[in-house]
C-alpha atoms as a PDB file:
ATOM      1  CA  UNK A   1      43.055 -38.362  14.157  1.00  0.00           C
ATOM      2  CA  UNK A   2      42.824 -34.817  15.516  1.00  0.00           C
ATOM      3  CA  UNK A   3      40.492 -32.359  13.848  1.00  0.00           C
ATOM      4  CA  UNK A   4      40.857 -28.640  14.385  1.00  0.00           C
ATOM      5  CA  UNK A   5      38.236 -25.910  14.222  1.00  0.00           C
ATOM      6  CA  UNK A   6      38.679 -22.148  14.033  1.00  0.00           C
ATOM      7  CA  UNK A   7      36.088 -19.585  15.076  1.00  0.00           C
ATOM      8  CA  UNK A   8      35.525 -16.143  13.617  1.00  0.00           C
ATOM      9  CA  UNK A   9      37.400 -14.837  16.698  1.00  0.00           C
ATOM     10  CA  UNK A  10      40.493 -16.809  15.575  1.00  0.00           C
ATOM     11  CA  UNK A  11      40.289 -19.349  18.435  1.00  0.00           C
ATOM     12  CA  UNK A  12      41.595 -22.732  17.315  1.00  0.00           C
ATOM     13  CA  UNK A  13      40.252 -25.815  19.112  1.00  0.00           C
ATOM     14  CA  UNK A  14      41.429 -29.429  18.865  1.00  0.00           C
ATOM     15  CA  UNK A  15      38.809 -32.206  18.680  1.00  0.00           C
ATOM     16  CA  UNK A  16      38.973 -35.969  18.436  1.00  0.00           C
ATOM     17  CA  UNK A  17      37.483 -37.425  15.258  1.00  0.00           C
ATOM     18  CA  UNK A  18      34.397 -38.624  17.178  1.00  0.00           C
ATOM     19  CA  UNK A  19      33.570 -35.239  18.727  1.00  0.00           C
ATOM     20  CA  UNK A  20      30.935 -32.962  17.267  1.00  0.00           C
ATOM     21  CA  UNK A  21      32.366 -29.641  16.070  1.00  0.00           C
ATOM     22  CA  UNK A  22      30.017 -26.722  16.772  1.00  0.00           C
ATOM     23  CA  UNK A  23      28.369 -25.067  13.794  1.00  0.00           C
ATOM     24  CA  UNK A  24      29.800 -21.851  12.446  1.00  0.00           C
ATOM     25  CA  UNK A  25      33.399 -23.008  12.854  1.00  0.00           C
ATOM     26  CA  UNK A  26      35.665 -23.901   9.971  1.00  0.00           C
ATOM     27  CA  UNK A  27      37.228 -27.344  10.383  1.00  0.00           C
ATOM     28  CA  UNK A  28      40.439 -28.876   9.095  1.00  0.00           C
ATOM     29  CA  UNK A  29      42.522 -31.968   9.837  1.00  0.00           C
ATOM     30  CA  UNK A  30      45.577 -31.471   7.626  1.00  0.00           C
ATOM     31  CA  UNK A  31      47.811 -28.633   6.556  1.00  0.00           C
ATOM     32  CA  UNK A  32      46.304 -28.864   3.078  1.00  0.00           C
ATOM     33  CA  UNK A  33      42.767 -28.456   4.496  1.00  0.00           C
ATOM     34  CA  UNK A  34      43.951 -25.453   6.538  1.00  0.00           C
ATOM     35  CA  UNK A  35      45.251 -23.916   3.305  1.00  0.00           C
ATOM     36  CA  UNK A  36      41.825 -24.439   1.664  1.00  0.00           C
ATOM     37  CA  UNK A  37      39.944 -23.018   4.673  1.00  0.00           C
ATOM     38  CA  UNK A  38      42.195 -19.959   4.762  1.00  0.00           C
ATOM     39  CA  UNK A  39      42.253 -19.319   1.003  1.00  0.00           C
ATOM     40  CA  UNK A  40      39.762 -16.441   1.287  1.00  0.00           C
ATOM     41  CA  UNK A  41      41.281 -14.895   4.419  1.00  0.00           C
ATOM     42  CA  UNK A  42      42.968 -11.517   4.162  1.00  0.00           C
ATOM     43  CA  UNK A  43      46.708 -11.895   4.777  1.00  0.00           C
ATOM     44  CA  UNK A  44      46.381  -9.870   7.993  1.00  0.00           C
ATOM     45  CA  UNK A  45      44.205 -12.575   9.573  1.00  0.00           C
ATOM     46  CA  UNK A  46      47.136 -14.991   9.595  1.00  0.00           C
ATOM     47  CA  UNK A  47      49.094 -12.614  11.832  1.00  0.00           C
ATOM     48  CA  UNK A  48      46.021 -12.197  14.069  1.00  0.00           C
ATOM     49  CA  UNK A  49      45.669 -15.986  14.408  1.00  0.00           C
ATOM     50  CA  UNK A  50      49.385 -16.391  15.108  1.00  0.00           C
ATOM     51  CA  UNK A  51      49.558 -13.538  17.623  1.00  0.00           C
ATOM     52  CA  UNK A  52      46.451 -14.900  19.370  1.00  0.00           C
ATOM     53  CA  UNK A  53      48.434 -17.820  20.752  1.00  0.00           C
ATOM     54  CA  UNK A  54      52.091 -16.780  20.412  1.00  0.00           C
ATOM     55  CA  UNK A  55      53.734 -16.499  23.815  1.00  0.00           C
ATOM     56  CA  UNK A  56      50.947 -18.330  25.678  1.00  0.00           C
ATOM     57  CA  UNK A  57      51.315 -21.837  27.146  1.00  0.00           C
ATOM     58  CA  UNK A  58      51.897 -24.259  25.376  1.00  0.00           C
ATOM     59  CA  UNK A  59      53.106 -21.805  22.721  1.00  0.00           C
ATOM     60  CA  UNK A  60      55.424 -19.800  24.999  1.00  0.00           C
ATOM     61  CA  UNK A  61      58.421 -20.194  22.678  1.00  0.00           C
ATOM     62  CA  UNK A  62      56.583 -18.514  19.782  1.00  0.00           C
ATOM     63  CA  UNK A  63      57.074 -14.811  19.160  1.00  0.00           C
ATOM     64  CA  UNK A  64      54.389 -12.435  17.812  1.00  0.00           C
ATOM     65  CA  UNK A  65      54.707 -11.283  14.197  1.00  0.00           C
ATOM     66  CA  UNK A  66      53.625  -8.152  12.334  1.00  0.00           C
ATOM     67  CA  UNK A  67      52.886  -9.969   9.070  1.00  0.00           C
ATOM     68  CA  UNK A  68      53.702 -13.061   7.059  1.00  0.00           C
ATOM     69  CA  UNK A  69      55.482 -12.869   3.727  1.00  0.00           C
ATOM     70  CA  UNK A  70      52.982 -15.175   2.014  1.00  0.00           C
ATOM     71  CA  UNK A  71      50.048 -17.523   2.643  1.00  0.00           C
ATOM     72  CA  UNK A  72      52.080 -20.706   2.238  1.00  0.00           C
ATOM     73  CA  UNK A  73      54.527 -19.699   4.968  1.00  0.00           C
ATOM     74  CA  UNK A  74      51.707 -18.569   7.243  1.00  0.00           C
ATOM     75  CA  UNK A  75      49.768 -21.824   6.844  1.00  0.00           C
ATOM     76  CA  UNK A  76      52.889 -23.938   7.425  1.00  0.00           C
ATOM     77  CA  UNK A  77      53.894 -22.067  10.588  1.00  0.00           C
ATOM     78  CA  UNK A  78      50.383 -22.048  12.044  1.00  0.00           C
ATOM     79  CA  UNK A  79      49.920 -25.751  11.251  1.00  0.00           C
ATOM     80  CA  UNK A  80      53.218 -26.647  12.903  1.00  0.00           C
ATOM     81  CA  UNK A  81      52.375 -24.570  15.992  1.00  0.00           C
ATOM     82  CA  UNK A  82      48.882 -25.993  16.558  1.00  0.00           C
ATOM     83  CA  UNK A  83      50.243 -29.519  16.657  1.00  0.00           C
ATOM     84  CA  UNK A  84      50.889 -28.786  20.359  1.00  0.00           C
ATOM     85  CA  UNK A  85      47.108 -28.746  20.909  1.00  0.00           C
ATOM     86  CA  UNK A  86      45.706 -32.057  22.059  1.00  0.00           C
ATOM     87  CA  UNK A  87      42.030 -32.909  22.196  1.00  0.00           C
ATOM     88  CA  UNK A  88      40.670 -33.573  25.659  1.00  0.00           C
ATOM     89  CA  UNK A  89      37.180 -34.501  26.830  1.00  0.00           C
ATOM     90  CA  UNK A  90      36.576 -30.760  27.175  1.00  0.00           C
ATOM     91  CA  UNK A  91      38.037 -29.118  24.059  1.00  0.00           C
ATOM     92  CA  UNK A  92      41.333 -27.329  24.511  1.00  0.00           C
ATOM     93  CA  UNK A  93      41.273 -23.918  22.891  1.00  0.00           C
ATOM     94  CA  UNK A  94      44.192 -21.795  21.803  1.00  0.00           C
ATOM     95  CA  UNK A  95      43.756 -18.715  23.988  1.00  0.00           C
ATOM     96  CA  UNK A  96      42.679 -15.440  22.482  1.00  0.00           C
ATOM     97  CA  UNK A  97      45.108 -12.543  22.388  1.00  0.00           C
ATOM     98  CA  UNK A  98      45.936 -11.251  25.867  1.00  0.00           C
ATOM     99  CA  UNK A  99      43.888  -8.298  27.022  1.00  0.00           C
ATOM    100  CA  UNK A 100      45.484  -4.902  27.438  1.00  0.00           C
ATOM    101  CA  UNK A 101      46.988  -4.295  30.838  1.00  0.00           C
ATOM    102  CA  UNK A 102      44.796  -2.460  33.255  1.00  0.00           C
ATOM    103  CA  UNK A 103      45.924   0.747  34.820  1.00  0.00           C
ATOM    104  CA  UNK A 104      47.322   0.335  38.299  1.00  0.00           C
ATOM    105  CA  UNK A 105      44.737   1.071  40.959  1.00  0.00           C
ATOM    106  CA  UNK A 106      45.532   3.840  43.385  1.00  0.00           C
ATOM    107  CA  UNK A 107      45.796   2.795  47.005  1.00  0.00           C
ATOM    108  CA  UNK A 108      42.914   3.633  49.226  1.00  0.00           C
ATOM    109  CA  UNK A 109      43.285   6.806  51.249  1.00  0.00           C
ATOM    110  CA  UNK A 110      42.576   4.879  54.488  1.00  0.00           C
ATOM    111  CA  UNK A 111      45.982   3.219  54.265  1.00  0.00           C
ATOM    112  CA  UNK A 112      49.052   5.287  55.079  1.00  0.00           C
ATOM    113  CA  UNK A 113      51.371   5.447  52.046  1.00  0.00           C
ATOM    114  CA  UNK A 114      54.764   3.844  52.580  1.00  0.00           C
ATOM    115  CA  UNK A 115      57.988   5.590  51.700  1.00  0.00           C
ATOM    116  CA  UNK A 116      61.603   4.801  52.463  1.00  0.00           C
ATOM    117  CA  UNK A 117      62.981   7.080  55.178  1.00  0.00           C
ATOM    118  CA  UNK A 118      65.235   9.801  53.801  1.00  0.00           C
ATOM    119  CA  UNK A 119      64.160   9.245  50.198  1.00  0.00           C
ATOM    120  CA  UNK A 120      63.175  12.205  48.027  1.00  0.00           C
ATOM    121  CA  UNK A 121      59.655  10.819  47.948  1.00  0.00           C
ATOM    122  CA  UNK A 122      59.508  10.877  51.763  1.00  0.00           C
ATOM    123  CA  UNK A 123      60.950  14.404  51.856  1.00  0.00           C
ATOM    124  CA  UNK A 124      58.429  15.756  49.339  1.00  0.00           C
ATOM    125  CA  UNK A 125      55.553  13.966  51.081  1.00  0.00           C
ATOM    126  CA  UNK A 126      56.479  15.519  54.427  1.00  0.00           C
ATOM    127  CA  UNK A 127      56.679  18.951  52.799  1.00  0.00           C
ATOM    128  CA  UNK A 128      53.232  18.476  51.237  1.00  0.00           C
ATOM    129  CA  UNK A 129      51.739  17.456  54.602  1.00  0.00           C
ATOM    130  CA  UNK A 130      52.606  20.813  56.206  1.00  0.00           C
ATOM    131  CA  UNK A 131      49.584  23.086  56.828  1.00  0.00           C
ATOM    132  CA  UNK A 132      50.916  25.739  54.436  1.00  0.00           C
ATOM    133  CA  UNK A 133      52.060  23.072  51.917  1.00  0.00           C
ATOM    134  CA  UNK A 134      55.166  23.494  49.787  1.00  0.00           C
ATOM    135  CA  UNK A 135      55.848  25.740  46.819  1.00  0.00           C
ATOM    136  CA  UNK A 136      57.337  24.511  43.581  1.00  0.00           C
ATOM    137  CA  UNK A 137      60.594  26.293  44.473  1.00  0.00           C
ATOM    138  CA  UNK A 138      60.682  24.681  47.950  1.00  0.00           C
ATOM    139  CA  UNK A 139      60.408  21.212  46.434  1.00  0.00           C
ATOM    140  CA  UNK A 140      62.944  22.017  43.705  1.00  0.00           C
ATOM    141  CA  UNK A 141      65.451  23.217  46.325  1.00  0.00           C
ATOM    142  CA  UNK A 142      64.951  20.100  48.491  1.00  0.00           C
ATOM    143  CA  UNK A 143      65.249  17.601  45.634  1.00  0.00           C
ATOM    144  CA  UNK A 144      67.371  19.324  42.940  1.00  0.00           C
ATOM    145  CA  UNK A 145      64.610  18.518  40.425  1.00  0.00           C
ATOM    146  CA  UNK A 146      63.471  20.586  37.465  1.00  0.00           C
ATOM    147  CA  UNK A 147      59.968  22.165  37.644  1.00  0.00           C
ATOM    148  CA  UNK A 148      58.478  19.658  35.188  1.00  0.00           C
ATOM    149  CA  UNK A 149      59.865  16.773  37.259  1.00  0.00           C
ATOM    150  CA  UNK A 150      58.240  18.122  40.426  1.00  0.00           C
ATOM    151  CA  UNK A 151      54.863  18.512  38.720  1.00  0.00           C
ATOM    152  CA  UNK A 152      55.128  15.044  37.157  1.00  0.00           C
ATOM    153  CA  UNK A 153      56.077  13.515  40.503  1.00  0.00           C
ATOM    154  CA  UNK A 154      53.091  15.134  42.231  1.00  0.00           C
ATOM    155  CA  UNK A 155      50.739  14.003  39.486  1.00  0.00           C
ATOM    156  CA  UNK A 156      52.114  10.487  39.018  1.00  0.00           C
ATOM    157  CA  UNK A 157      53.594   9.248  42.268  1.00  0.00           C
ATOM    158  CA  UNK A 158      51.614  11.169  44.844  1.00  0.00           C
ATOM    159  CA  UNK A 159      48.196  11.456  43.180  1.00  0.00           C
ATOM    160  CA  UNK A 160      47.940   8.396  40.947  1.00  0.00           C
ATOM    161  CA  UNK A 161      50.164   5.751  42.526  1.00  0.00           C
ATOM    162  CA  UNK A 162      49.696   6.647  46.196  1.00  0.00           C
ATOM    163  CA  UNK A 163      46.083   7.732  45.777  1.00  0.00           C
ATOM    164  CA  UNK A 164      46.481  10.941  47.766  1.00  0.00           C
ATOM    165  CA  UNK A 165      44.539  14.082  46.968  1.00  0.00           C
ATOM    166  CA  UNK A 166      46.842  17.035  46.314  1.00  0.00           C
ATOM    167  CA  UNK A 167      45.464  20.561  46.501  1.00  0.00           C
ATOM    168  CA  UNK A 168      47.029  23.326  44.447  1.00  0.00           C
ATOM    169  CA  UNK A 169      46.511  26.856  45.775  1.00  0.00           C
ATOM    170  CA  UNK A 170      48.040  30.331  45.773  1.00  0.00           C
ATOM    171  CA  UNK A 171      49.562  31.638  48.957  1.00  0.00           C
ATOM    172  CA  UNK A 172      49.048  35.197  50.183  1.00  0.00           C
ATOM    173  CA  UNK A 173      52.372  36.176  48.578  1.00  0.00           C
ATOM    174  CA  UNK A 174      51.080  34.913  45.202  1.00  0.00           C
ATOM    175  CA  UNK A 175      53.294  31.795  45.019  1.00  0.00           C
ATOM    176  CA  UNK A 176      51.711  28.533  43.841  1.00  0.00           C
ATOM    177  CA  UNK A 177      51.814  25.871  46.560  1.00  0.00           C
ATOM    178  CA  UNK A 178      50.730  22.261  46.895  1.00  0.00           C
ATOM    179  CA  UNK A 179      49.536  20.303  49.914  1.00  0.00           C
ATOM    180  CA  UNK A 180      48.108  16.876  50.606  1.00  0.00           C
ATOM    181  CA  UNK A 181      44.475  16.934  51.724  1.00  0.00           C
ATOM    182  CA  UNK A 182      44.153  14.765  54.820  1.00  0.00           C
END
């Protein structure tokens, strides 16, 4: 018979009847025992437990939920889902909720950024590489973009994604210009 244990971090582990369950974990072997163990839980914990393994192998067909309508439904659905867990010599644990995605790392400045020839990105990059840079109006004329789109492109694509350092300066005529520091 399989016995299950749940940690305070909502990780559910399957054990064989002979295995020792670590202290500090609540154990249950039937749906009725799960209902008793979870009787004092706030209703939000059921969603946290469910979302901790929904969408992860072997639970990839399960979808995350915002809340359950009642405890009985929550217990029944969680019990049915954890039946996919099988005890192994090393306990198999339902994975914790996936971590937030990390921000994309900017490329190192030692590597030349790649652009498709003739693309607006390539055109703007060439304009920014000129010694006197390119003004906002120059870039707008070359790309047919609005001013906010040009500034967003410089900030997002050039600075963050490509990892290039862009200098903003005023020309002698007073116009704001941008250039890539090389």
